[in-house]
Amino acid sequence: MALQLGDVAPDFTQDSTQGTIRFHDWMDDSWVVLFSHPKDFTPVCTTELGQVEKLRREFEKRHCKVIGLSVDSVEDHRAWMNDIQETQGARPSFPMLADKDRTVSNLFGMIHPNADDTATVRSVFIIGPDKKVKLTLTYPASTGRNFDEVLRVIDSLQLTATHRVATPANWKQGEDCIIVPAVSSDDARKLFPKGFREVKPYLRITPQPNA
């Protein structure tokens, strides 16, 4: 059965460029982005890994760890890191899982036989400190991922985990939010001292509570 939102992310022990990773222990109390790559030494993945390293401080600000994966070996990963540094100007400082036996790929449903029955697709999983899956994304091999969008989703997830709001289409950090329907207008007046604007009874807009 496919891994779904709200499921506990599978635990595993797997080799990586930074030694053996025991996933739940490695996570500790952090948010995590786990993302897979079809193969080492491929052009789109090379740009992705360089971009994630360039955004390293943005992930750190959000108390979020990043971990990559492909089905190639640690030796191949390390050689690939040299290419990434040369071509992208950034050497990944986060671990890359060497999932040669497909343990992690199968646990997370990263192999889609109709696309490729051996290599992983471009999967993204955002996992919360409670070890539960908060977001899943799957991209085709031809399309590089937008990691600004991944950061935007983390911002939304962290905000909505602690405040009774949701974020509208194209929301960015610091912009207005939507009060969730389960909160009555009487309660909203207490919970949101900045006030709110009622567009419809089910659509109430309030400034971002923690901005």
C-alpha atoms as a PDB file:
ATOM      1  CA  MET A   1       0.000   0.000   0.000  1.00  0.00           C
ATOM      2  CA  ALA A   2       1.331   3.464  -0.900  1.00  0.00           C
ATOM      3  CA  LEU A   3       2.651   5.678   1.859  1.00  0.00           C
ATOM      4  CA  GLN A   4       0.002   8.296   2.619  1.00  0.00           C
ATOM      5  CA  LEU A   5      -0.197  11.622   4.409  1.00  0.00           C
ATOM      6  CA  GLY A   6      -0.330  11.121   8.158  1.00  0.00           C
ATOM      7  CA  ASP A   7       1.418   7.742   8.034  1.00  0.00           C
ATOM      8  CA  VAL A   8       4.491   7.277  10.195  1.00  0.00           C
ATOM      9  CA  ALA A   9       7.498   7.373   7.881  1.00  0.00           C
ATOM     10  CA  PRO A  10       9.146   3.944   7.787  1.00  0.00           C
ATOM     11  CA  ASP A  11      12.288   3.547   9.860  1.00  0.00           C
ATOM     12  CA  PHE A  12      15.320   1.991   8.204  1.00  0.00           C
ATOM     13  CA  THR A  13      19.048   1.479   8.509  1.00  0.00           C
ATOM     14  CA  GLN A  14      21.021   2.201   5.345  1.00  0.00           C
ATOM     15  CA  ASP A  15      24.527   3.154   4.228  1.00  0.00           C
ATOM     16  CA  SER A  16      25.194   6.732   3.135  1.00  0.00           C
ATOM     17  CA  THR A  17      27.944   9.169   2.247  1.00  0.00           C
ATOM     18  CA  GLN A  18      28.057  10.044   5.958  1.00  0.00           C
ATOM     19  CA  GLY A  19      28.080   6.505   7.316  1.00  0.00           C
ATOM     20  CA  THR A  20      25.240   4.296   8.466  1.00  0.00           C
ATOM     21  CA  ILE A  21      21.930   6.156   8.849  1.00  0.00           C
ATOM     22  CA  ARG A  22      19.360   4.901  11.357  1.00  0.00           C
ATOM     23  CA  PHE A  23      16.603   7.077  10.058  1.00  0.00           C
ATOM     24  CA  HIS A  24      14.397   7.828  13.065  1.00  0.00           C
ATOM     25  CA  ASP A  25      17.467   8.325  15.271  1.00  0.00           C
ATOM     26  CA  TRP A  26      19.052  10.561  12.639  1.00  0.00           C
ATOM     27  CA  MET A  27      15.857  12.627  12.388  1.00  0.00           C
ATOM     28  CA  ASP A  28      15.788  13.272  16.126  1.00  0.00           C
ATOM     29  CA  ASP A  29      13.241  16.101  16.592  1.00  0.00           C
ATOM     30  CA  SER A  30      13.838  17.776  13.222  1.00  0.00           C
ATOM     31  CA  TRP A  31      11.726  18.243  10.166  1.00  0.00           C
ATOM     32  CA  VAL A  32      13.134  16.252   7.247  1.00  0.00           C
ATOM     33  CA  VAL A  33      13.082  16.431   3.462  1.00  0.00           C
ATOM     34  CA  LEU A  34      13.857  13.041   1.896  1.00  0.00           C
ATOM     35  CA  PHE A  35      14.228  13.198  -1.880  1.00  0.00           C
ATOM     36  CA  SER A  36      15.228  10.557  -4.411  1.00  0.00           C
ATOM     37  CA  HIS A  37      17.112  10.637  -7.705  1.00  0.00           C
ATOM     38  CA  PRO A  38      16.860   8.143 -10.577  1.00  0.00           C
ATOM     39  CA  LYS A  39      20.638   7.757 -10.957  1.00  0.00           C
ATOM     40  CA  ASP A  40      23.976   9.349 -10.178  1.00  0.00           C
ATOM     41  CA  PHE A  41      25.755  11.325 -12.899  1.00  0.00           C
ATOM     42  CA  THR A  42      22.509  12.492 -14.489  1.00  0.00           C
ATOM     43  CA  PRO A  43      22.091  16.122 -15.567  1.00  0.00           C
ATOM     44  CA  VAL A  44      18.860  17.213 -13.880  1.00  0.00           C
ATOM     45  CA  CYS A  45      19.782  15.593 -10.559  1.00  0.00           C
ATOM     46  CA  THR A  46      23.164  17.306 -10.653  1.00  0.00           C
ATOM     47  CA  THR A  47      21.476  20.711 -10.756  1.00  0.00           C
ATOM     48  CA  GLU A  48      19.023  19.713  -8.007  1.00  0.00           C
ATOM     49  CA  LEU A  49      21.670  18.608  -5.524  1.00  0.00           C
ATOM     50  CA  GLY A  50      23.664  21.771  -6.122  1.00  0.00           C
ATOM     51  CA  GLN A  51      20.576  23.912  -5.579  1.00  0.00           C
ATOM     52  CA  VAL A  52      19.656  22.176  -2.321  1.00  0.00           C
ATOM     53  CA  GLU A  53      23.150  22.787  -0.983  1.00  0.00           C
ATOM     54  CA  LYS A  54      22.880  26.467  -1.917  1.00  0.00           C
ATOM     55  CA  LEU A  55      19.658  26.581   0.130  1.00  0.00           C
ATOM     56  CA  ARG A  56      21.240  24.783   3.100  1.00  0.00           C
ATOM     57  CA  ARG A  57      20.921  27.770   5.463  1.00  0.00           C
ATOM     58  CA  GLU A  58      17.249  28.177   4.536  1.00  0.00           C
ATOM     59  CA  PHE A  59      16.560  24.578   5.550  1.00  0.00           C
ATOM     60  CA  GLU A  60      18.591  25.025   8.750  1.00  0.00           C
ATOM     61  CA  LYS A  61      16.548  28.141   9.671  1.00  0.00           C
ATOM     62  CA  ARG A  62      13.467  25.920   9.541  1.00  0.00           C
ATOM     63  CA  HIS A  63      15.051  23.219  11.746  1.00  0.00           C
ATOM     64  CA  CYS A  64      14.898  20.908   8.730  1.00  0.00           C
ATOM     65  CA  LYS A  65      17.392  18.222   7.721  1.00  0.00           C
ATOM     66  CA  VAL A  66      17.810  17.117   4.112  1.00  0.00           C
ATOM     67  CA  ILE A  67      18.721  13.639   2.903  1.00  0.00           C
ATOM     68  CA  GLY A  68      19.037  12.385  -0.676  1.00  0.00           C
ATOM     69  CA  LEU A  69      18.848   8.918  -2.177  1.00  0.00           C
ATOM     70  CA  SER A  70      19.621   6.959  -5.302  1.00  0.00           C
ATOM     71  CA  VAL A  71      20.155   3.268  -5.975  1.00  0.00           C
ATOM     72  CA  ASP A  72      23.872   3.761  -6.688  1.00  0.00           C
ATOM     73  CA  SER A  73      26.810   3.071  -4.366  1.00  0.00           C
ATOM     74  CA  VAL A  74      28.490   5.323  -1.807  1.00  0.00           C
ATOM     75  CA  GLU A  75      31.583   5.341  -4.028  1.00  0.00           C
ATOM     76  CA  ASP A  76      29.532   6.594  -6.992  1.00  0.00           C
ATOM     77  CA  HIS A  77      27.835   9.190  -4.787  1.00  0.00           C
ATOM     78  CA  ARG A  78      31.185  10.572  -3.609  1.00  0.00           C
ATOM     79  CA  ALA A  79      32.553  10.755  -7.137  1.00  0.00           C
ATOM     80  CA  TRP A  80      29.368  12.502  -8.237  1.00  0.00           C
ATOM     81  CA  MET A  81      29.787  15.076  -5.454  1.00  0.00           C
ATOM     82  CA  ASN A  82      32.994  16.202  -7.201  1.00  0.00           C
ATOM     83  CA  ASP A  83      31.062  16.800 -10.424  1.00  0.00           C
ATOM     84  CA  ILE A  84      28.350  18.686  -8.549  1.00  0.00           C
ATOM     85  CA  GLN A  85      30.904  20.955  -6.916  1.00  0.00           C
ATOM     86  CA  GLU A  86      32.630  21.568 -10.248  1.00  0.00           C
ATOM     87  CA  THR A  87      29.470  22.294 -12.256  1.00  0.00           C
ATOM     88  CA  GLN A  88      27.160  23.860  -9.651  1.00  0.00           C
ATOM     89  CA  GLY A  89      29.648  25.573  -7.360  1.00  0.00           C
ATOM     90  CA  ALA A  90      28.366  23.736  -4.284  1.00  0.00           C
ATOM     91  CA  ARG A  91      29.281  20.380  -2.784  1.00  0.00           C
ATOM     92  CA  PRO A  92      26.379  18.689  -0.955  1.00  0.00           C
ATOM     93  CA  SER A  93      26.996  18.608   2.789  1.00  0.00           C
ATOM     94  CA  PHE A  94      23.898  16.513   3.490  1.00  0.00           C
ATOM     95  CA  PRO A  95      23.937  12.691   3.385  1.00  0.00           C
ATOM     96  CA  MET A  96      23.097  10.689   0.274  1.00  0.00           C
ATOM     97  CA  LEU A  97      21.666   7.230   0.920  1.00  0.00           C
ATOM     98  CA  ALA A  98      23.172   4.400  -1.127  1.00  0.00           C
ATOM     99  CA  ASP A  99      20.054   2.316  -1.637  1.00  0.00           C
ATOM    100  CA  LYS A 100      21.589  -0.431  -3.787  1.00  0.00           C
ATOM    101  CA  ASP A 101      19.334  -3.109  -2.278  1.00  0.00           C
ATOM    102  CA  ARG A 102      16.233  -0.914  -2.793  1.00  0.00           C
ATOM    103  CA  THR A 103      15.273  -1.172   0.894  1.00  0.00           C
ATOM    104  CA  VAL A 104      14.349   2.486   1.306  1.00  0.00           C
ATOM    105  CA  SER A 105      12.999   2.817  -2.239  1.00  0.00           C
ATOM    106  CA  ASN A 106      10.519   0.022  -1.629  1.00  0.00           C
ATOM    107  CA  LEU A 107       9.525   1.220   1.850  1.00  0.00           C
ATOM    108  CA  PHE A 108       8.682   4.665   0.470  1.00  0.00           C
ATOM    109  CA  GLY A 109       7.239   3.517  -2.868  1.00  0.00           C
ATOM    110  CA  MET A 110       9.888   5.325  -4.900  1.00  0.00           C
ATOM    111  CA  ILE A 111      10.070   2.760  -7.709  1.00  0.00           C
ATOM    112  CA  HIS A 112       7.249   3.100 -10.231  1.00  0.00           C
ATOM    113  CA  PRO A 113       7.500   0.139 -12.650  1.00  0.00           C
ATOM    114  CA  ASN A 114       5.620   1.877 -15.455  1.00  0.00           C
ATOM    115  CA  ALA A 115       8.246   4.639 -15.412  1.00  0.00           C
ATOM    116  CA  ASP A 116      11.324   2.536 -14.600  1.00  0.00           C
ATOM    117  CA  ASP A 117      11.392  -0.823 -12.858  1.00  0.00           C
ATOM    118  CA  THR A 118      14.900  -0.389 -11.396  1.00  0.00           C
ATOM    119  CA  ALA A 119      15.567   3.313 -10.741  1.00  0.00           C
ATOM    120  CA  THR A 120      13.666   5.583  -8.377  1.00  0.00           C
ATOM    121  CA  VAL A 121      11.400   8.373  -9.585  1.00  0.00           C
ATOM    122  CA  ARG A 122      11.896  11.952  -8.355  1.00  0.00           C
ATOM    123  CA  SER A 123      10.075  11.668  -5.045  1.00  0.00           C
ATOM    124  CA  VAL A 124       9.919  14.262  -2.272  1.00  0.00           C
ATOM    125  CA  PHE A 125       8.746  13.515   1.261  1.00  0.00           C
ATOM    126  CA  ILE A 126       8.430  16.134   3.988  1.00  0.00           C
ATOM    127  CA  ILE A 127       8.340  14.463   7.392  1.00  0.00           C
ATOM    128  CA  GLY A 128       7.515  16.207  10.658  1.00  0.00           C
ATOM    129  CA  PRO A 129       9.222  15.865  14.046  1.00  0.00           C
ATOM    130  CA  ASP A 130       6.422  13.443  14.976  1.00  0.00           C
ATOM    131  CA  LYS A 131       7.841  11.140  12.245  1.00  0.00           C
ATOM    132  CA  LYS A 132       4.639  11.473  10.183  1.00  0.00           C
ATOM    133  CA  VAL A 133       4.523  12.180   6.449  1.00  0.00           C
ATOM    134  CA  LYS A 134       3.282  15.734   5.833  1.00  0.00           C
ATOM    135  CA  LEU A 135       3.768  16.005   2.059  1.00  0.00           C
ATOM    136  CA  THR A 136       4.514  13.765  -0.909  1.00  0.00           C
ATOM    137  CA  LEU A 137       5.441  14.918  -4.412  1.00  0.00           C
ATOM    138  CA  THR A 138       6.451  12.907  -7.466  1.00  0.00           C
ATOM    139  CA  TYR A 139       8.089  14.469 -10.505  1.00  0.00           C
ATOM    140  CA  PRO A 140       8.850  12.938 -13.903  1.00  0.00           C
ATOM    141  CA  ALA A 141      12.483  12.294 -14.785  1.00  0.00           C
ATOM    142  CA  SER A 142      12.542  15.208 -17.232  1.00  0.00           C
ATOM    143  CA  THR A 143      11.483  17.898 -14.742  1.00  0.00           C
ATOM    144  CA  GLY A 144      13.719  19.362 -12.067  1.00  0.00           C
ATOM    145  CA  ARG A 145      12.151  20.156  -8.736  1.00  0.00           C
ATOM    146  CA  ASN A 146      11.346  23.630  -7.412  1.00  0.00           C
ATOM    147  CA  PHE A 147      12.969  23.738  -3.981  1.00  0.00           C
ATOM    148  CA  ASP A 148      11.642  27.226  -3.267  1.00  0.00           C
ATOM    149  CA  GLU A 149       8.235  25.516  -3.311  1.00  0.00           C
ATOM    150  CA  VAL A 150       9.491  22.872  -0.868  1.00  0.00           C
ATOM    151  CA  LEU A 151      10.601  25.645   1.507  1.00  0.00           C
ATOM    152  CA  ARG A 152       7.245  27.403   1.069  1.00  0.00           C
ATOM    153  CA  VAL A 153       5.402  24.220   2.030  1.00  0.00           C
ATOM    154  CA  ILE A 154       7.594  23.760   5.112  1.00  0.00           C
ATOM    155  CA  ASP A 155       6.739  27.322   6.173  1.00  0.00           C
ATOM    156  CA  SER A 156       3.040  26.565   5.760  1.00  0.00           C
ATOM    157  CA  LEU A 157       3.250  23.243   7.580  1.00  0.00           C
ATOM    158  CA  GLN A 158       5.114  24.750  10.514  1.00  0.00           C
ATOM    159  CA  LEU A 159       2.696  27.672  10.756  1.00  0.00           C
ATOM    160  CA  THR A 160      -0.463  25.573  10.549  1.00  0.00           C
ATOM    161  CA  ALA A 161       0.898  23.047  13.064  1.00  0.00           C
ATOM    162  CA  THR A 162       0.836  25.700  15.798  1.00  0.00           C
ATOM    163  CA  HIS A 163      -1.963  28.080  14.736  1.00  0.00           C
ATOM    164  CA  ARG A 164      -5.535  27.331  13.679  1.00  0.00           C
ATOM    165  CA  VAL A 165      -5.088  28.664  10.177  1.00  0.00           C
ATOM    166  CA  ALA A 166      -4.619  27.395   6.634  1.00  0.00           C
ATOM    167  CA  THR A 167      -2.658  29.087   3.852  1.00  0.00           C
ATOM    168  CA  PRO A 168      -4.288  30.198   0.574  1.00  0.00           C
ATOM    169  CA  ALA A 169      -3.100  29.648  -2.983  1.00  0.00           C
ATOM    170  CA  ASN A 170       0.406  30.968  -3.669  1.00  0.00           C
ATOM    171  CA  TRP A 171       0.827  31.995  -0.008  1.00  0.00           C
ATOM    172  CA  LYS A 172       4.285  33.089   1.108  1.00  0.00           C
ATOM    173  CA  GLN A 173       5.796  33.765   4.527  1.00  0.00           C
ATOM    174  CA  GLY A 174       4.343  36.951   6.027  1.00  0.00           C
ATOM    175  CA  GLU A 175       1.143  37.019   3.961  1.00  0.00           C
ATOM    176  CA  ASP A 176      -2.462  36.746   5.167  1.00  0.00           C
ATOM    177  CA  CYS A 177      -3.887  33.377   6.179  1.00  0.00           C
ATOM    178  CA  ILE A 178      -7.310  31.742   6.357  1.00  0.00           C
ATOM    179  CA  ILE A 179      -8.956  30.886   9.667  1.00  0.00           C
ATOM    180  CA  VAL A 180      -9.957  27.214   9.607  1.00  0.00           C
ATOM    181  CA  PRO A 181     -13.740  26.588   9.458  1.00  0.00           C
ATOM    182  CA  ALA A 182     -13.712  24.653  12.748  1.00  0.00           C
ATOM    183  CA  VAL A 183     -13.010  27.909  14.631  1.00  0.00           C
ATOM    184  CA  SER A 184     -16.162  29.916  15.359  1.00  0.00           C
ATOM    185  CA  SER A 185     -16.117  33.659  14.773  1.00  0.00           C
ATOM    186  CA  ASP A 186     -16.466  34.227  18.530  1.00  0.00           C
ATOM    187  CA  ASP A 187     -13.390  32.081  19.174  1.00  0.00           C
ATOM    188  CA  ALA A 188     -11.569  33.706  16.269  1.00  0.00           C
ATOM    189  CA  ARG A 189     -11.891  37.124  17.934  1.00  0.00           C
ATOM    190  CA  LYS A 190     -10.005  35.710  20.951  1.00  0.00           C
ATOM    191  CA  LEU A 191      -7.468  33.653  19.004  1.00  0.00           C
ATOM    192  CA  PHE A 192      -6.571  36.301  16.437  1.00  0.00           C
ATOM    193  CA  PRO A 193      -6.036  39.673  18.154  1.00  0.00           C
ATOM    194  CA  LYS A 194      -4.941  41.230  14.836  1.00  0.00           C
ATOM    195  CA  GLY A 195      -8.534  40.784  13.708  1.00  0.00           C
ATOM    196  CA  PHE A 196      -9.991  39.167  10.614  1.00  0.00           C
ATOM    197  CA  ARG A 197     -12.051  39.986   7.545  1.00  0.00           C
ATOM    198  CA  GLU A 198     -15.064  37.833   6.712  1.00  0.00           C
ATOM    199  CA  VAL A 199     -15.376  37.401   2.947  1.00  0.00           C
ATOM    200  CA  LYS A 200     -17.833  34.530   3.399  1.00  0.00           C
ATOM    201  CA  PRO A 201     -18.794  32.741   6.611  1.00  0.00           C
ATOM    202  CA  TYR A 202     -16.391  29.974   5.590  1.00  0.00           C
ATOM    203  CA  LEU A 203     -13.672  32.329   4.270  1.00  0.00           C
ATOM    204  CA  ARG A 204     -12.157  34.552   6.945  1.00  0.00           C
ATOM    205  CA  ILE A 205      -8.835  36.287   6.313  1.00  0.00           C
ATOM    206  CA  THR A 206      -6.391  37.203   9.081  1.00  0.00           C
ATOM    207  CA  PRO A 207      -2.789  38.464   9.163  1.00  0.00           C
ATOM    208  CA  GLN A 208      -0.233  35.709   9.709  1.00  0.00           C
ATOM    209  CA  PRO A 209      -0.382  35.116  13.486  1.00  0.00           C
ATOM    210  CA  ASN A 210       3.360  34.716  14.095  1.00  0.00           C
ATOM    211  CA  ALA A 211       4.594  37.434  11.695  1.00  0.00           C
END
